[in-house]
C-alpha atoms as a PDB file:
ATOM      1  CA  MET A   1       0.000   0.000   0.000  1.00  0.00           C
ATOM      2  CA  GLU A   2       1.410   3.413  -1.032  1.00  0.00           C
ATOM      3  CA  MET A   3       1.236   6.244   1.455  1.00  0.00           C
ATOM      4  CA  LYS A   4       2.099   9.925   1.354  1.00  0.00           C
ATOM      5  CA  ILE A   5       5.055  11.025   3.478  1.00  0.00           C
ATOM      6  CA  ASN A   6       6.634  14.380   4.179  1.00  0.00           C
ATOM      7  CA  SER A   7       9.346  14.385   1.529  1.00  0.00           C
ATOM      8  CA  LYS A   8      10.694  17.777   2.630  1.00  0.00           C
ATOM      9  CA  LEU A   9      11.256  16.388   6.113  1.00  0.00           C
ATOM     10  CA  ILE A  10      13.082  13.355   4.691  1.00  0.00           C
ATOM     11  CA  VAL A  11      15.420  15.645   2.722  1.00  0.00           C
ATOM     12  CA  LYS A  12      15.913  17.893   5.775  1.00  0.00           C
ATOM     13  CA  LEU A  13      16.751  14.975   8.084  1.00  0.00           C
ATOM     14  CA  ARG A  14      19.137  13.497   5.514  1.00  0.00           C
ATOM     15  CA  LYS A  15      20.948  16.807   5.033  1.00  0.00           C
ATOM     16  CA  GLU A  16      21.127  17.437   8.806  1.00  0.00           C
ATOM     17  CA  LYS A  17      23.043  14.185   9.121  1.00  0.00           C
ATOM     18  CA  GLY A  18      25.240  15.165   6.163  1.00  0.00           C
ATOM     19  CA  TRP A  19      24.190  12.087   4.211  1.00  0.00           C
ATOM     20  CA  SER A  20      23.913  11.676   0.462  1.00  0.00           C
ATOM     21  CA  GLN A  21      20.968   9.787  -0.994  1.00  0.00           C
ATOM     22  CA  GLN A  22      23.361   6.874  -1.575  1.00  0.00           C
ATOM     23  CA  HIS A  23      24.420   6.871   2.089  1.00  0.00           C
ATOM     24  CA  LEU A  24      20.780   6.960   3.250  1.00  0.00           C
ATOM     25  CA  SER A  25      20.149   4.024   0.928  1.00  0.00           C
ATOM     26  CA  LEU A  26      22.951   2.048   2.591  1.00  0.00           C
ATOM     27  CA  VAL A  27      21.929   2.961   6.162  1.00  0.00           C
ATOM     28  CA  SER A  28      18.221   2.250   5.641  1.00  0.00           C
ATOM     29  CA  GLY A  29      18.532  -0.774   3.360  1.00  0.00           C
ATOM     30  CA  VAL A  30      16.270   0.913   0.786  1.00  0.00           C
ATOM     31  CA  SER A  31      17.305   1.159  -2.865  1.00  0.00           C
ATOM     32  CA  LEU A  32      18.717   4.432  -4.180  1.00  0.00           C
ATOM     33  CA  ARG A  33      15.873   4.668  -6.732  1.00  0.00           C
ATOM     34  CA  THR A  34      13.316   4.350  -3.913  1.00  0.00           C
ATOM     35  CA  ILE A  35      15.079   7.093  -1.904  1.00  0.00           C
ATOM     36  CA  GLN A  36      14.944   9.356  -4.979  1.00  0.00           C
ATOM     37  CA  ARG A  37      11.239   8.574  -5.522  1.00  0.00           C
ATOM     38  CA  VAL A  38      10.434   9.231  -1.854  1.00  0.00           C
ATOM     39  CA  GLU A  39      12.223  12.603  -1.883  1.00  0.00           C
ATOM     40  CA  ASN A  40      10.760  13.683  -5.249  1.00  0.00           C
ATOM     41  CA  GLU A  41       7.213  12.319  -5.060  1.00  0.00           C
ATOM     42  CA  GLY A  42       6.574  11.716  -1.358  1.00  0.00           C
ATOM     43  CA  ASN A  43       5.070   8.254  -1.965  1.00  0.00           C
ATOM     44  CA  THR A  44       6.267   5.084  -0.260  1.00  0.00           C
ATOM     45  CA  SER A  45       5.273   1.775   1.260  1.00  0.00           C
ATOM     46  CA  ILE A  46       4.921   1.186   4.988  1.00  0.00           C
ATOM     47  CA  GLU A  47       8.042  -0.992   4.922  1.00  0.00           C
ATOM     48  CA  THR A  48      10.138   1.790   3.360  1.00  0.00           C
ATOM     49  CA  LEU A  49       8.678   4.287   5.809  1.00  0.00           C
ATOM     50  CA  LYS A  50       9.688   2.111   8.761  1.00  0.00           C
ATOM     51  CA  SER A  51      13.196   1.618   7.337  1.00  0.00           C
ATOM     52  CA  LEU A  52      13.663   5.376   6.879  1.00  0.00           C
ATOM     53  CA  ALA A  53      12.342   6.101  10.376  1.00  0.00           C
ATOM     54  CA  SER A  54      14.784   3.589  11.796  1.00  0.00           C
ATOM     55  CA  ALA A  55      17.688   5.143   9.870  1.00  0.00           C
ATOM     56  CA  PHE A  56      16.781   8.602  11.210  1.00  0.00           C
ATOM     57  CA  GLU A  57      16.095   7.203  14.696  1.00  0.00           C
ATOM     58  CA  THR A  58      12.612   8.722  14.768  1.00  0.00           C
ATOM     59  CA  ASP A  59       9.022   7.550  15.041  1.00  0.00           C
ATOM     60  CA  PHE A  60       7.630   6.661  11.622  1.00  0.00           C
ATOM     61  CA  ASN A  61       4.415   8.592  12.373  1.00  0.00           C
ATOM     62  CA  SER A  62       6.429  11.823  12.359  1.00  0.00           C
ATOM     63  CA  LEU A  63       7.347  11.199   8.707  1.00  0.00           C
ATOM     64  CA  ILE A  64       3.770  10.758   7.455  1.00  0.00           C
ATOM     65  CA  PHE A  65       2.374  13.715   5.506  1.00  0.00           C
ATOM     66  CA  ARG A  66      -0.729  15.104   7.107  1.00  0.00           C
ATOM     67  CA  SER A  67      -2.714  17.609   5.106  1.00  0.00           C
ATOM     68  CA  PRO A  68      -4.268  20.342   7.216  1.00  0.00           C
ATOM     69  CA  GLN A  69      -7.931  19.871   7.935  1.00  0.00           C
ATOM     70  CA  PRO A  70     -10.194  22.619   6.510  1.00  0.00           C
ATOM     71  CA  ASN A  71     -11.447  23.684   9.956  1.00  0.00           C
ATOM     72  CA  LYS A  72      -7.895  24.027  11.242  1.00  0.00           C
ATOM     73  CA  VAL A  73      -6.918  26.085   8.203  1.00  0.00           C
ATOM     74  CA  LEU A  74      -9.931  28.358   8.708  1.00  0.00           C
ATOM     75  CA  LYS A  75      -9.184  28.654  12.425  1.00  0.00           C
ATOM     76  CA  LYS A  76      -5.541  29.540  11.692  1.00  0.00           C
ATOM     77  CA  THR A  77      -6.627  32.102   9.082  1.00  0.00           C
ATOM     78  CA  ILE A  78      -9.057  33.752  11.495  1.00  0.00           C
ATOM     79  CA  THR A  79      -6.455  33.712  14.277  1.00  0.00           C
ATOM     80  CA  SER A  80      -3.842  35.229  11.963  1.00  0.00           C
ATOM     81  CA  PHE A  81      -6.248  37.957  10.884  1.00  0.00           C
ATOM     82  CA  ALA A  82      -7.175  38.743  14.498  1.00  0.00           C
ATOM     83  CA  LEU A  83      -3.511  38.890  15.478  1.00  0.00           C
ATOM     84  CA  LEU A  84      -2.696  41.158  12.543  1.00  0.00           C
ATOM     85  CA  PHE A  85      -5.635  43.445  13.395  1.00  0.00           C
ATOM     86  CA  SER A  86      -4.569  43.574  17.067  1.00  0.00           C
ATOM     87  CA  LEU A  87      -0.988  44.324  16.108  1.00  0.00           C
ATOM     88  CA  ALA A  88      -2.056  47.103  13.735  1.00  0.00           C
ATOM     89  CA  THR A  89      -4.277  48.572  16.464  1.00  0.00           C
ATOM     90  CA  CYS A  90      -1.448  48.401  19.024  1.00  0.00           C
ATOM     91  CA  VAL A  91       1.005  50.094  16.682  1.00  0.00           C
ATOM     92  CA  PHE A  92      -1.534  52.830  15.948  1.00  0.00           C
ATOM     93  CA  LEU A  93      -2.428  53.390  19.601  1.00  0.00           C
ATOM     94  CA  THR A  94       1.175  53.224  20.778  1.00  0.00           C
ATOM     95  CA  SER A  95       2.499  55.745  18.296  1.00  0.00           C
ATOM     96  CA  THR A  96      -0.347  58.225  18.827  1.00  0.00           C
ATOM     97  CA  THR A  97      -0.934  58.027  22.580  1.00  0.00           C
ATOM     98  CA  THR A  98       2.328  57.320  24.342  1.00  0.00           C
ATOM     99  CA  ALA A  99       5.760  57.458  22.845  1.00  0.00           C
ATOM    100  CA  SER A 100       7.818  60.353  21.629  1.00  0.00           C
ATOM    101  CA  PRO A 101       8.516  60.345  17.891  1.00  0.00           C
ATOM    102  CA  GLY A 102      10.699  57.421  16.912  1.00  0.00           C
ATOM    103  CA  ILE A 103      10.243  55.383  20.102  1.00  0.00           C
ATOM    104  CA  GLU A 104       8.799  51.935  19.479  1.00  0.00           C
ATOM    105  CA  VAL A 105       7.073  49.889  22.177  1.00  0.00           C
ATOM    106  CA  GLN A 106       5.929  46.274  21.942  1.00  0.00           C
ATOM    107  CA  ALA A 107       4.119  44.240  24.586  1.00  0.00           C
ATOM    108  CA  LYS A 108       1.736  41.329  24.981  1.00  0.00           C
ATOM    109  CA  LYS A 109      -0.960  43.576  26.431  1.00  0.00           C
ATOM    110  CA  MET A 110      -1.648  47.292  26.308  1.00  0.00           C
ATOM    111  CA  ILE A 111      -4.142  49.254  28.442  1.00  0.00           C
ATOM    112  CA  VAL A 112      -4.928  52.867  27.522  1.00  0.00           C
ATOM    113  CA  SER A 113      -6.367  55.200  30.168  1.00  0.00           C
ATOM    114  CA  GLN A 114      -9.721  56.856  29.503  1.00  0.00           C
ATOM    115  CA  ASP A 115      -8.119  60.280  29.018  1.00  0.00           C
ATOM    116  CA  LYS A 116      -5.580  58.654  26.636  1.00  0.00           C
ATOM    117  CA  ARG A 117      -2.652  60.260  28.459  1.00  0.00           C
ATOM    118  CA  ASP A 118      -1.324  57.055  30.052  1.00  0.00           C
ATOM    119  CA  THR A 119      -0.730  53.646  28.566  1.00  0.00           C
ATOM    120  CA  THR A 120       0.298  50.579  30.555  1.00  0.00           C
ATOM    121  CA  PHE A 121       2.218  47.860  28.726  1.00  0.00           C
ATOM    122  CA  LEU A 122       2.268  44.370  30.225  1.00  0.00           C
ATOM    123  CA  GLY A 123       4.181  41.186  29.419  1.00  0.00           C
ATOM    124  CA  ASN A 124       7.510  41.045  27.588  1.00  0.00           C
ATOM    125  CA  VAL A 125       7.694  44.779  27.067  1.00  0.00           C
ATOM    126  CA  ILE A 126      10.339  45.907  24.580  1.00  0.00           C
ATOM    127  CA  MET A 127      10.990  49.596  24.011  1.00  0.00           C
ATOM    128  CA  VAL A 128      13.555  50.858  21.515  1.00  0.00           C
ATOM    129  CA  ILE A 129      14.738  54.439  21.958  1.00  0.00           C
ATOM    130  CA  PRO A 130      16.739  55.750  18.976  1.00  0.00           C
ATOM    131  CA  SER A 131      20.115  57.289  19.781  1.00  0.00           C
ATOM    132  CA  THR A 132      18.824  60.591  18.341  1.00  0.00           C
ATOM    133  CA  VAL A 133      16.207  60.940  21.117  1.00  0.00           C
ATOM    134  CA  PRO A 134      17.484  62.842  24.182  1.00  0.00           C
ATOM    135  CA  LEU A 135      16.579  61.098  27.432  1.00  0.00           C
ATOM    136  CA  GLU A 136      17.138  61.035  31.161  1.00  0.00           C
ATOM    137  CA  ILE A 137      17.197  57.827  33.214  1.00  0.00           C
ATOM    138  CA  SER A 138      16.609  57.902  36.970  1.00  0.00           C
ATOM    139  CA  THR A 139      15.757  55.429  39.686  1.00  0.00           C
ATOM    140  CA  ILE A 140      12.586  55.704  41.719  1.00  0.00           C
ATOM    141  CA  GLU A 141      13.587  55.779  45.369  1.00  0.00           C
ATOM    142  CA  ASN A 142      10.248  54.958  46.967  1.00  0.00           C
ATOM    143  CA  HIS A 143       8.701  51.853  45.534  1.00  0.00           C
ATOM    144  CA  SER A 144       5.210  53.099  46.335  1.00  0.00           C
ATOM    145  CA  SER A 145       4.506  53.933  42.700  1.00  0.00           C
ATOM    146  CA  LYS A 146       3.090  50.488  41.836  1.00  0.00           C
ATOM    147  CA  GLY A 147       6.421  48.663  41.919  1.00  0.00           C
ATOM    148  CA  TYR A 148       8.175  50.755  39.265  1.00  0.00           C
ATOM    149  CA  GLN A 149      11.907  51.139  39.916  1.00  0.00           C
ATOM    150  CA  LEU A 150      13.075  53.150  36.901  1.00  0.00           C
ATOM    151  CA  LYS A 151      11.953  56.320  35.150  1.00  0.00           C
ATOM    152  CA  ILE A 152      12.957  57.333  31.619  1.00  0.00           C
ATOM    153  CA  THR A 153      12.045  60.846  30.547  1.00  0.00           C
ATOM    154  CA  THR A 154      12.183  62.104  26.964  1.00  0.00           C
ATOM    155  CA  ASP A 155      10.872  65.267  25.348  1.00  0.00           C
ATOM    156  CA  GLY A 156       7.173  65.148  26.189  1.00  0.00           C
ATOM    157  CA  SER A 157       6.994  61.562  27.500  1.00  0.00           C
ATOM    158  CA  SER A 158       7.679  59.768  30.736  1.00  0.00           C
ATOM    159  CA  PHE A 159       8.090  56.001  31.173  1.00  0.00           C
ATOM    160  CA  LEU A 160       7.857  54.218  34.534  1.00  0.00           C
ATOM    161  CA  ILE A 161       9.403  50.756  34.282  1.00  0.00           C
ATOM    162  CA  SER A 162       9.530  47.662  36.483  1.00  0.00           C
ATOM    163  CA  ASP A 163      12.175  44.923  36.247  1.00  0.00           C
ATOM    164  CA  ALA A 164      14.097  46.694  33.480  1.00  0.00           C
ATOM    165  CA  ARG A 165      17.064  45.441  31.513  1.00  0.00           C
ATOM    166  CA  ILE A 166      18.700  48.114  29.339  1.00  0.00           C
ATOM    167  CA  THR A 167      20.974  47.219  26.446  1.00  0.00           C
ATOM    168  CA  ARG A 168      22.765  49.445  23.963  1.00  0.00           C
ATOM    169  CA  VAL A 169      21.870  48.318  20.437  1.00  0.00           C
ATOM    170  CA  GLU A 170      23.030  49.567  17.063  1.00  0.00           C
ATOM    171  CA  THR A 171      20.124  52.010  16.731  1.00  0.00           C
ATOM    172  CA  GLY A 172      20.073  53.289  20.343  1.00  0.00           C
ATOM    173  CA  LEU A 173      18.814  51.742  23.583  1.00  0.00           C
ATOM    174  CA  GLU A 174      16.645  48.682  24.025  1.00  0.00           C
ATOM    175  CA  VAL A 175      14.676  48.446  27.259  1.00  0.00           C
ATOM    176  CA  ARG A 176      13.106  45.098  28.177  1.00  0.00           C
ATOM    177  CA  ALA A 177      10.734  44.996  31.109  1.00  0.00           C
ATOM    178  CA  ALA A 178       7.899  43.128  32.764  1.00  0.00           C
ATOM    179  CA  GLU A 179       5.700  46.235  32.867  1.00  0.00           C
ATOM    180  CA  MET A 180       5.850  49.847  31.750  1.00  0.00           C
ATOM    181  CA  GLN A 181       3.567  52.864  32.137  1.00  0.00           C
ATOM    182  CA  ALA A 182       3.949  55.614  29.550  1.00  0.00           C
ATOM    183  CA  SER A 183       2.594  59.157  29.934  1.00  0.00           C
ATOM    184  CA  ASN A 184       2.450  61.873  27.292  1.00  0.00           C
ATOM    185  CA  ALA A 185       3.245  64.681  29.720  1.00  0.00           C
ATOM    186  CA  THR A 186       6.345  64.445  31.891  1.00  0.00           C
ATOM    187  CA  GLU A 187       5.630  64.132  35.582  1.00  0.00           C
END
């Protein structure tokens, strides 16, 4: 019985091991012509599949080609669209409500205050401040301001940051944090 296998995965596994088709043929006990057919057409018998799986020291089920089910494809398409829409919304809101020109902020979650002056970023926050943007970095002595330990002030914006890690990158400074609150007006 012929079955469809993931030919791209076969080629990838073979190349990862640095094997030629001839070497795979010798290791698996499958003829060179069969190896070529498997890699080009993706069709094989269960016996060949088991021999190849043994040669690659993997489960033969991982080599079987599985076409995506229509519902899964639709679900992935809808999820991708929702993610893209959310990302576009975040980029729009971030650039218009919080950061000084040129400052980019990314986070898993963003909460904008009702007056749109403050934005709180939560989860894997990454802020990139270009080297052309003047800034001042200071520590917050009393930790009463919601656990923020660091304050970065730029022209017209203020950023309160918790658990910050600052790194100089080619374009300026990269700030990674657990949480950040951005305000349009400096405090």
